[in-house]
Each structure stands twice: as C-alpha cells, then as structure tokens.
Amino acid sequence: MADRIEIGFKEGVRDALGEKVRRRIIEHLDIHVNEVKTIEVYTIDADDGLTGEELKKVAHGSLSDPIIHDFAINNGLADRFDWLIEVGFKPGVTDNVGKTAREAIELLLGRSSGRLAGVYTSRQYVIRGPIGRTDAERIASALLANELIERYEIVDGRAWDREKGIAPYVPRVAVAGLPQAEEIDLDVDDQSLLRISNERILALNLEEMKAFRDYLKDEAIV
C-alpha cells in the first residue's frame, strides 16, 4: 500500500528554489510567470501499510521542520495556482534521496529493514501566472524534467481537487517473463547511438556513448 506525504514551506517563508526556477523560466524560456513554489513529495510503499499516526510521525519527525514547513498526507498541499508540474524518477532510476528517507523512516518507526518496499521522491512546481497548457508543457519538458530519467505530470489549477490531490505513483520496475540477452550493434552513426541511449534509458550523451562503444571494442576488455 502506498501513501503520499507532501512537504512545503509555510506562508511567509522564503522558497529560494522556487524563486530560482521562476527566474530561469523567464530568462531561458521567455515565459512570464508571477510565482513558483516548490513542494517535496515522498511516496511511501509499505507492504502492510502505515497507520495514520505513523504517517503523521514520519511527516513531523523525519521529513519536515515544523517551524518552516506544512505537510499534507494523502491529499494535496498546493492551493490557488494556475498550473502544477510534478517531476519524479522513472522506474529503475536510482533515487538516492528516497533511499535516505527510507532509512530515516525505518529508524524512526523501529521497523526492521525490508518492511518498507521503498520510498520514492518527486517535486511539485506550483505556478501562478497567465500561461496556458502549451507553456506549461514547455516548462516541464525544456526546463524541469530530464525525460531520459524523469517523468512529469501537469495539473490544471481549474481542475484541482485538493482533497484528492495526486494519486500515489510507485515507480516499480515490472519484469515480465524470464530475462533475455539481446545483441545491440553499436557500430552505427551518431544519431543511432543517441537513439539507443534514449530507448535503453542509458542517460548517456553522444561522447559517452562513443566511449562506451570504444571500450567494448577493445580486445583486451572483451
């Protein structure tokens, strides 16, 4: 069972990251927005679930600072916005912050290692400004998310239901059938190398793909 905890700054507390993202949207994309706030999201996947009290304890004790943060459990924290963009890792991508959060939660709750199937992080960018979906898509794809390793979801503020929020998403790798070996020809042109990197979720640029190819062609290695 998966639960979501959302952590954001209290009203009046400066959101330096949100301010930085707003400047980048204006300067790099020439899209003018009035405000950007950020919310950190932790999706907790526990085999037997966490109780409401445990979730509150985690939100208070491990994930937030009650002096500067508000939190929401299994509903939305964002309010009064035009667009919300949530960015998180795709299945199979290492989430170091999530791993650290999992260790902290297990320590706080006294659960033995393995009771939590995983903790996964994502970040919401809560945008206020007179922009449309096309601009929101551009902000997400061109600035906020690396689509090789990250997914994103866009929410129109007019359709936002704070009580429901965004449903928990667990980026678990699903393996169907037995693993199989596949031979991939790397002796191809530059465009094909980049396509292989993208399709195989290698997150390697062209120079790195060439270095990888040259490494495998070395008879002393293979």
C-alpha atoms as a PDB file:
ATOM      1  CA  MET A   1       0.000   0.000   0.000  1.00  0.00           C
ATOM      2  CA  ALA A   2       1.378   3.408  -0.956  1.00  0.00           C
ATOM      3  CA  ASP A   3       0.892   6.732   0.824  1.00  0.00           C
ATOM      4  CA  ARG A   4       1.954  10.249  -0.145  1.00  0.00           C
ATOM      5  CA  ILE A   5       3.389  12.898   2.144  1.00  0.00           C
ATOM      6  CA  GLU A   6       3.784  16.384   0.687  1.00  0.00           C
ATOM      7  CA  ILE A   7       6.063  18.935   2.366  1.00  0.00           C
ATOM      8  CA  GLY A   8       6.009  22.656   1.561  1.00  0.00           C
ATOM      9  CA  PHE A   9       7.040  25.951   3.098  1.00  0.00           C
ATOM     10  CA  LYS A  10       4.644  27.777   5.390  1.00  0.00           C
ATOM     11  CA  GLU A  11       3.102  31.013   4.168  1.00  0.00           C
ATOM     12  CA  GLY A  12       5.664  33.791   4.504  1.00  0.00           C
ATOM     13  CA  VAL A  13       8.728  31.505   4.462  1.00  0.00           C
ATOM     14  CA  ARG A  14      11.026  32.172   1.529  1.00  0.00           C
ATOM     15  CA  ASP A  15      11.202  29.466  -1.146  1.00  0.00           C
ATOM     16  CA  ALA A  16      14.640  30.102  -2.662  1.00  0.00           C
ATOM     17  CA  LEU A  17      14.393  27.212  -5.125  1.00  0.00           C
ATOM     18  CA  GLY A  18      11.007  28.403  -6.332  1.00  0.00           C
ATOM     19  CA  GLU A  19      12.411  31.898  -6.890  1.00  0.00           C
ATOM     20  CA  LYS A  20      15.340  30.463  -8.843  1.00  0.00           C
ATOM     21  CA  VAL A  21      13.064  28.361 -11.047  1.00  0.00           C
ATOM     22  CA  ARG A  22      10.865  31.394 -11.756  1.00  0.00           C
ATOM     23  CA  ARG A  23      13.905  33.390 -12.907  1.00  0.00           C
ATOM     24  CA  ARG A  24      15.019  30.541 -15.158  1.00  0.00           C
ATOM     25  CA  ILE A  25      11.558  30.229 -16.722  1.00  0.00           C
ATOM     26  CA  ILE A  26      11.576  33.936 -17.553  1.00  0.00           C
ATOM     27  CA  GLU A  27      15.209  34.215 -18.650  1.00  0.00           C
ATOM     28  CA  HIS A  28      15.644  30.944 -20.549  1.00  0.00           C
ATOM     29  CA  LEU A  29      12.162  30.313 -21.936  1.00  0.00           C
ATOM     30  CA  ASP A  30      10.812  33.874 -22.125  1.00  0.00           C
ATOM     31  CA  ILE A  31       7.652  32.714 -20.375  1.00  0.00           C
ATOM     32  CA  HIS A  32       6.474  35.194 -17.756  1.00  0.00           C
ATOM     33  CA  VAL A  33       5.063  33.724 -14.559  1.00  0.00           C
ATOM     34  CA  ASN A  34       4.221  35.520 -11.333  1.00  0.00           C
ATOM     35  CA  GLU A  35       5.302  32.944  -8.771  1.00  0.00           C
ATOM     36  CA  VAL A  36       6.733  29.449  -8.414  1.00  0.00           C
ATOM     37  CA  LYS A  37       6.594  27.472  -5.191  1.00  0.00           C
ATOM     38  CA  THR A  38       8.038  24.015  -4.615  1.00  0.00           C
ATOM     39  CA  ILE A  39       6.646  21.050  -2.712  1.00  0.00           C
ATOM     40  CA  GLU A  40       8.647  17.908  -1.913  1.00  0.00           C
ATOM     41  CA  VAL A  41       6.717  14.655  -2.274  1.00  0.00           C
ATOM     42  CA  TYR A  42       7.518  11.332  -0.598  1.00  0.00           C
ATOM     43  CA  THR A  43       5.649   8.235  -1.738  1.00  0.00           C
ATOM     44  CA  ILE A  44       5.966   5.506   0.893  1.00  0.00           C
ATOM     45  CA  ASP A  45       5.357   1.959  -0.295  1.00  0.00           C
ATOM     46  CA  ALA A  46       4.908  -0.316   2.725  1.00  0.00           C
ATOM     47  CA  ASP A  47       3.979  -3.985   2.484  1.00  0.00           C
ATOM     48  CA  ASP A  48       1.438  -3.749   5.303  1.00  0.00           C
ATOM     49  CA  GLY A  49       0.829  -0.002   5.072  1.00  0.00           C
ATOM     50  CA  LEU A  50       1.454   2.675   7.681  1.00  0.00           C
ATOM     51  CA  THR A  51      -1.163   3.810  10.165  1.00  0.00           C
ATOM     52  CA  GLY A  52      -2.384   7.388  10.228  1.00  0.00           C
ATOM     53  CA  GLU A  53      -0.394   8.032  13.401  1.00  0.00           C
ATOM     54  CA  GLU A  54       2.749   6.567  11.858  1.00  0.00           C
ATOM     55  CA  LEU A  55       2.361   8.775   8.792  1.00  0.00           C
ATOM     56  CA  LYS A  56       1.985  11.876  10.982  1.00  0.00           C
ATOM     57  CA  LYS A  57       5.029  10.848  13.000  1.00  0.00           C
ATOM     58  CA  VAL A  58       7.062  10.434   9.809  1.00  0.00           C
ATOM     59  CA  ALA A  59       5.904  13.761   8.391  1.00  0.00           C
ATOM     60  CA  HIS A  60       6.734  15.577  11.638  1.00  0.00           C
ATOM     61  CA  GLY A  61       9.852  13.715  12.647  1.00  0.00           C
ATOM     62  CA  SER A  62      11.778  12.662   9.545  1.00  0.00           C
ATOM     63  CA  LEU A  63      10.691  14.691   6.558  1.00  0.00           C
ATOM     64  CA  SER A  64       9.900  18.219   7.716  1.00  0.00           C
ATOM     65  CA  ASP A  65      10.812  21.044  10.058  1.00  0.00           C
ATOM     66  CA  PRO A  66       7.589  22.099  11.826  1.00  0.00           C
ATOM     67  CA  ILE A  67       8.887  25.648  12.230  1.00  0.00           C
ATOM     68  CA  ILE A  68       9.045  26.335   8.490  1.00  0.00           C
ATOM     69  CA  HIS A  69       7.065  23.525   6.836  1.00  0.00           C
ATOM     70  CA  ASP A  70       3.462  22.453   6.382  1.00  0.00           C
ATOM     71  CA  PHE A  71       2.570  18.935   5.274  1.00  0.00           C
ATOM     72  CA  ALA A  72      -0.318  17.008   3.787  1.00  0.00           C
ATOM     73  CA  ILE A  73      -0.924  13.257   3.915  1.00  0.00           C
ATOM     74  CA  ASN A  74      -2.740  11.586   1.024  1.00  0.00           C
ATOM     75  CA  ASN A  75      -4.225  14.842  -0.220  1.00  0.00           C
ATOM     76  CA  GLY A  76      -2.938  17.971  -1.934  1.00  0.00           C
ATOM     77  CA  LEU A  77      -0.915  20.682  -0.215  1.00  0.00           C
ATOM     78  CA  ALA A  78      -0.911  23.107  -3.150  1.00  0.00           C
ATOM     79  CA  ASP A  79      -3.655  25.718  -3.271  1.00  0.00           C
ATOM     80  CA  ARG A  80      -4.679  28.647  -5.501  1.00  0.00           C
ATOM     81  CA  PHE A  81      -2.465  28.074  -8.526  1.00  0.00           C
ATOM     82  CA  ASP A  82      -2.713  28.080 -12.304  1.00  0.00           C
ATOM     83  CA  TRP A  83      -0.526  25.075 -13.117  1.00  0.00           C
ATOM     84  CA  LEU A  84       1.179  22.362 -11.116  1.00  0.00           C
ATOM     85  CA  ILE A  85       4.014  20.292 -12.562  1.00  0.00           C
ATOM     86  CA  GLU A  86       5.195  17.211 -10.665  1.00  0.00           C
ATOM     87  CA  VAL A  87       8.531  15.681 -11.658  1.00  0.00           C
ATOM     88  CA  GLY A  88       9.800  12.308 -10.442  1.00  0.00           C
ATOM     89  CA  PHE A  89      12.078   9.490 -11.481  1.00  0.00           C
ATOM     90  CA  LYS A  90      11.062   6.823 -13.964  1.00  0.00           C
ATOM     91  CA  PRO A  91      11.055   3.156 -12.868  1.00  0.00           C
ATOM     92  CA  GLY A  92      14.546   1.737 -12.439  1.00  0.00           C
ATOM     93  CA  VAL A  93      16.310   5.073 -11.886  1.00  0.00           C
ATOM     94  CA  THR A  94      18.252   5.354  -8.615  1.00  0.00           C
ATOM     95  CA  ASP A  95      16.557   7.656  -6.101  1.00  0.00           C
ATOM     96  CA  ASN A  96      19.236   8.456  -3.519  1.00  0.00           C
ATOM     97  CA  VAL A  97      17.065  10.878  -1.547  1.00  0.00           C
ATOM     98  CA  GLY A  98      14.350   8.239  -1.422  1.00  0.00           C
ATOM     99  CA  LYS A  99      16.814   5.649  -0.093  1.00  0.00           C
ATOM    100  CA  THR A 100      17.972   8.044   2.636  1.00  0.00           C
ATOM    101  CA  ALA A 101      14.365   8.835   3.562  1.00  0.00           C
ATOM    102  CA  ARG A 102      13.567   5.131   3.785  1.00  0.00           C
ATOM    103  CA  GLU A 103      16.438   4.573   6.230  1.00  0.00           C
ATOM    104  CA  ALA A 104      15.320   7.537   8.346  1.00  0.00           C
ATOM    105  CA  ILE A 105      11.713   6.330   8.427  1.00  0.00           C
ATOM    106  CA  GLU A 106      12.687   2.780   9.412  1.00  0.00           C
ATOM    107  CA  LEU A 107      14.897   4.176  12.177  1.00  0.00           C
ATOM    108  CA  LEU A 108      12.121   6.460  13.431  1.00  0.00           C
ATOM    109  CA  LEU A 109       9.433   3.773  13.433  1.00  0.00           C
ATOM    110  CA  GLY A 110      11.691   0.973  14.623  1.00  0.00           C
ATOM    111  CA  ARG A 111      10.760  -1.235  11.696  1.00  0.00           C
ATOM    112  CA  SER A 112      13.187  -3.907  10.596  1.00  0.00           C
ATOM    113  CA  SER A 113      14.900  -3.409   7.260  1.00  0.00           C
ATOM    114  CA  GLY A 114      12.733  -4.648   4.443  1.00  0.00           C
ATOM    115  CA  ARG A 115       9.350  -3.765   5.965  1.00  0.00           C
ATOM    116  CA  LEU A 116       9.192  -0.773   3.645  1.00  0.00           C
ATOM    117  CA  ALA A 117       9.180  -1.790   0.000  1.00  0.00           C
ATOM    118  CA  GLY A 118      10.509   1.629  -0.961  1.00  0.00           C
ATOM    119  CA  VAL A 119      10.337   5.398  -0.585  1.00  0.00           C
ATOM    120  CA  TYR A 120      10.230   7.461  -3.770  1.00  0.00           C
ATOM    121  CA  THR A 121      10.657  11.202  -4.142  1.00  0.00           C
ATOM    122  CA  SER A 122       9.250  13.730  -6.558  1.00  0.00           C
ATOM    123  CA  ARG A 123       8.899  17.508  -6.615  1.00  0.00           C
ATOM    124  CA  GLN A 124       5.990  19.758  -7.436  1.00  0.00           C
ATOM    125  CA  TYR A 125       6.387  23.167  -9.039  1.00  0.00           C
ATOM    126  CA  VAL A 126       3.315  25.225  -8.229  1.00  0.00           C
ATOM    127  CA  ILE A 127       2.998  28.026 -10.774  1.00  0.00           C
ATOM    128  CA  ARG A 128       0.902  31.171 -10.717  1.00  0.00           C
ATOM    129  CA  GLY A 129       0.726  33.215 -13.884  1.00  0.00           C
ATOM    130  CA  PRO A 130      -1.253  33.837 -17.077  1.00  0.00           C
ATOM    131  CA  ILE A 131       0.054  30.901 -19.118  1.00  0.00           C
ATOM    132  CA  GLY A 132      -1.628  28.055 -20.989  1.00  0.00           C
ATOM    133  CA  ARG A 133      -1.030  24.310 -21.174  1.00  0.00           C
ATOM    134  CA  THR A 134       1.394  24.698 -24.088  1.00  0.00           C
ATOM    135  CA  ASP A 135       3.646  26.904 -21.948  1.00  0.00           C
ATOM    136  CA  ALA A 136       3.303  24.526 -19.001  1.00  0.00           C
ATOM    137  CA  GLU A 137       4.334  21.599 -21.229  1.00  0.00           C
ATOM    138  CA  ARG A 138       7.329  23.586 -22.457  1.00  0.00           C
ATOM    139  CA  ILE A 139       8.394  24.476 -18.922  1.00  0.00           C
ATOM    140  CA  ALA A 140       8.155  20.810 -17.908  1.00  0.00           C
ATOM    141  CA  SER A 141       9.970  19.310 -20.881  1.00  0.00           C
ATOM    142  CA  ALA A 142      12.547  22.025 -21.582  1.00  0.00           C
ATOM    143  CA  LEU A 143      13.479  23.054 -18.048  1.00  0.00           C
ATOM    144  CA  LEU A 144      12.204  20.946 -15.181  1.00  0.00           C
ATOM    145  CA  ALA A 145      12.439  17.311 -16.302  1.00  0.00           C
ATOM    146  CA  ASN A 146      15.176  15.234 -17.895  1.00  0.00           C
ATOM    147  CA  GLU A 147      12.942  12.944 -19.919  1.00  0.00           C
ATOM    148  CA  LEU A 148      15.629  10.262 -20.183  1.00  0.00           C
ATOM    149  CA  ILE A 149      15.274   9.503 -16.493  1.00  0.00           C
ATOM    150  CA  GLU A 150      12.292  11.516 -15.259  1.00  0.00           C
ATOM    151  CA  ARG A 151       8.533  11.586 -15.784  1.00  0.00           C
ATOM    152  CA  TYR A 152       6.255  14.544 -15.248  1.00  0.00           C
ATOM    153  CA  GLU A 153       2.578  15.223 -14.690  1.00  0.00           C
ATOM    154  CA  ILE A 154       0.801  18.518 -15.346  1.00  0.00           C
ATOM    155  CA  VAL A 155      -2.310  19.600 -13.447  1.00  0.00           C
ATOM    156  CA  ASP A 156      -4.571  22.490 -14.445  1.00  0.00           C
ATOM    157  CA  GLY A 157      -5.429  24.545 -11.375  1.00  0.00           C
ATOM    158  CA  ARG A 158      -9.031  24.884 -12.556  1.00  0.00           C
ATOM    159  CA  ALA A 159      -9.481  21.102 -12.262  1.00  0.00           C
ATOM    160  CA  TRP A 160      -7.579  20.712  -8.986  1.00  0.00           C
ATOM    161  CA  ASP A 161      -9.266  18.826  -6.163  1.00  0.00           C
ATOM    162  CA  ARG A 162      -7.196  19.424  -3.058  1.00  0.00           C
ATOM    163  CA  GLU A 163      -8.965  16.677  -1.120  1.00  0.00           C
ATOM    164  CA  LYS A 164      -7.956  14.074  -3.712  1.00  0.00           C
ATOM    165  CA  GLY A 165      -4.611  15.555  -4.707  1.00  0.00           C
ATOM    166  CA  ILE A 166      -2.471  13.344  -6.942  1.00  0.00           C
ATOM    167  CA  ALA A 167      -2.769   9.584  -6.538  1.00  0.00           C
ATOM    168  CA  PRO A 168       0.336   7.775  -5.232  1.00  0.00           C
ATOM    169  CA  TYR A 169       2.582   6.510  -8.017  1.00  0.00           C
ATOM    170  CA  VAL A 170       5.176   3.828  -7.290  1.00  0.00           C
ATOM    171  CA  PRO A 171       7.885   3.695  -9.994  1.00  0.00           C
ATOM    172  CA  ARG A 172       8.448  -0.018  -9.542  1.00  0.00           C
ATOM    173  CA  VAL A 173      10.131  -1.958 -12.321  1.00  0.00           C
ATOM    174  CA  ALA A 174       7.813  -4.650 -13.673  1.00  0.00           C
ATOM    175  CA  VAL A 175       9.611  -7.634 -15.186  1.00  0.00           C
ATOM    176  CA  ALA A 176       7.548  -9.900 -17.426  1.00  0.00           C
ATOM    177  CA  GLY A 177       8.886 -13.363 -18.152  1.00  0.00           C
ATOM    178  CA  LEU A 178      12.483 -14.522 -17.969  1.00  0.00           C
ATOM    179  CA  PRO A 179      15.355 -12.127 -18.657  1.00  0.00           C
ATOM    180  CA  GLN A 180      16.837 -12.405 -22.123  1.00  0.00           C
ATOM    181  CA  ALA A 181      20.120 -11.295 -23.623  1.00  0.00           C
ATOM    182  CA  GLU A 182      19.996  -9.089 -26.698  1.00  0.00           C
ATOM    183  CA  GLU A 183      22.820  -8.154 -29.019  1.00  0.00           C
ATOM    184  CA  ILE A 184      22.924  -4.447 -29.892  1.00  0.00           C
ATOM    185  CA  ASP A 185      25.059  -3.140 -32.726  1.00  0.00           C
ATOM    186  CA  LEU A 186      26.934  -0.036 -31.548  1.00  0.00           C
ATOM    187  CA  ASP A 187      28.857   0.361 -34.784  1.00  0.00           C
ATOM    188  CA  VAL A 188      26.308   2.885 -36.048  1.00  0.00           C
ATOM    189  CA  ASP A 189      26.108   6.608 -36.786  1.00  0.00           C
ATOM    190  CA  ASP A 190      25.823   9.315 -34.130  1.00  0.00           C
ATOM    191  CA  GLN A 191      22.052   9.683 -34.389  1.00  0.00           C
ATOM    192  CA  SER A 192      21.547   5.955 -33.907  1.00  0.00           C
ATOM    193  CA  LEU A 193      23.831   5.957 -30.867  1.00  0.00           C
ATOM    194  CA  LEU A 194      21.731   8.683 -29.254  1.00  0.00           C
ATOM    195  CA  ARG A 195      18.548   6.774 -30.092  1.00  0.00           C
ATOM    196  CA  ILE A 196      19.942   3.659 -28.390  1.00  0.00           C
ATOM    197  CA  SER A 197      20.808   5.716 -25.297  1.00  0.00           C
ATOM    198  CA  ASN A 198      17.284   7.118 -25.173  1.00  0.00           C
ATOM    199  CA  GLU A 199      15.410   3.878 -25.866  1.00  0.00           C
ATOM    200  CA  ARG A 200      17.501   1.865 -23.395  1.00  0.00           C
ATOM    201  CA  ILE A 201      17.308   4.613 -20.731  1.00  0.00           C
ATOM    202  CA  LEU A 202      21.104   4.786 -20.513  1.00  0.00           C
ATOM    203  CA  ALA A 203      21.143   8.572 -19.938  1.00  0.00           C
ATOM    204  CA  LEU A 204      24.430   8.858 -21.877  1.00  0.00           C
ATOM    205  CA  ASN A 205      25.316  11.701 -24.218  1.00  0.00           C
ATOM    206  CA  LEU A 206      26.993  11.166 -27.587  1.00  0.00           C
ATOM    207  CA  GLU A 207      30.573  11.360 -26.325  1.00  0.00           C
ATOM    208  CA  GLU A 208      29.800   8.919 -23.513  1.00  0.00           C
ATOM    209  CA  MET A 209      28.141   6.510 -25.953  1.00  0.00           C
ATOM    210  CA  LYS A 210      31.209   6.644 -28.202  1.00  0.00           C
ATOM    211  CA  ALA A 211      33.495   5.979 -25.230  1.00  0.00           C
ATOM    212  CA  PHE A 212      31.281   3.036 -24.234  1.00  0.00           C
ATOM    213  CA  ARG A 213      31.440   1.640 -27.780  1.00  0.00           C
ATOM    214  CA  ASP A 214      35.223   2.032 -27.959  1.00  0.00           C
ATOM    215  CA  TYR A 215      35.590   0.337 -24.582  1.00  0.00           C
ATOM    216  CA  LEU A 216      33.642  -2.719 -25.745  1.00  0.00           C
ATOM    217  CA  LYS A 217      35.626  -2.902 -28.989  1.00  0.00           C
ATOM    218  CA  ASP A 218      38.895  -3.159 -27.055  1.00  0.00           C
ATOM    219  CA  GLU A 219      40.038  -6.785 -27.419  1.00  0.00           C
ATOM    220  CA  ALA A 220      41.770  -6.584 -24.055  1.00  0.00           C
ATOM    221  CA  ILE A 221      38.405  -5.935 -22.401  1.00  0.00           C
ATOM    222  CA  VAL A 222      36.034  -8.282 -24.224  1.00  0.00           C
END
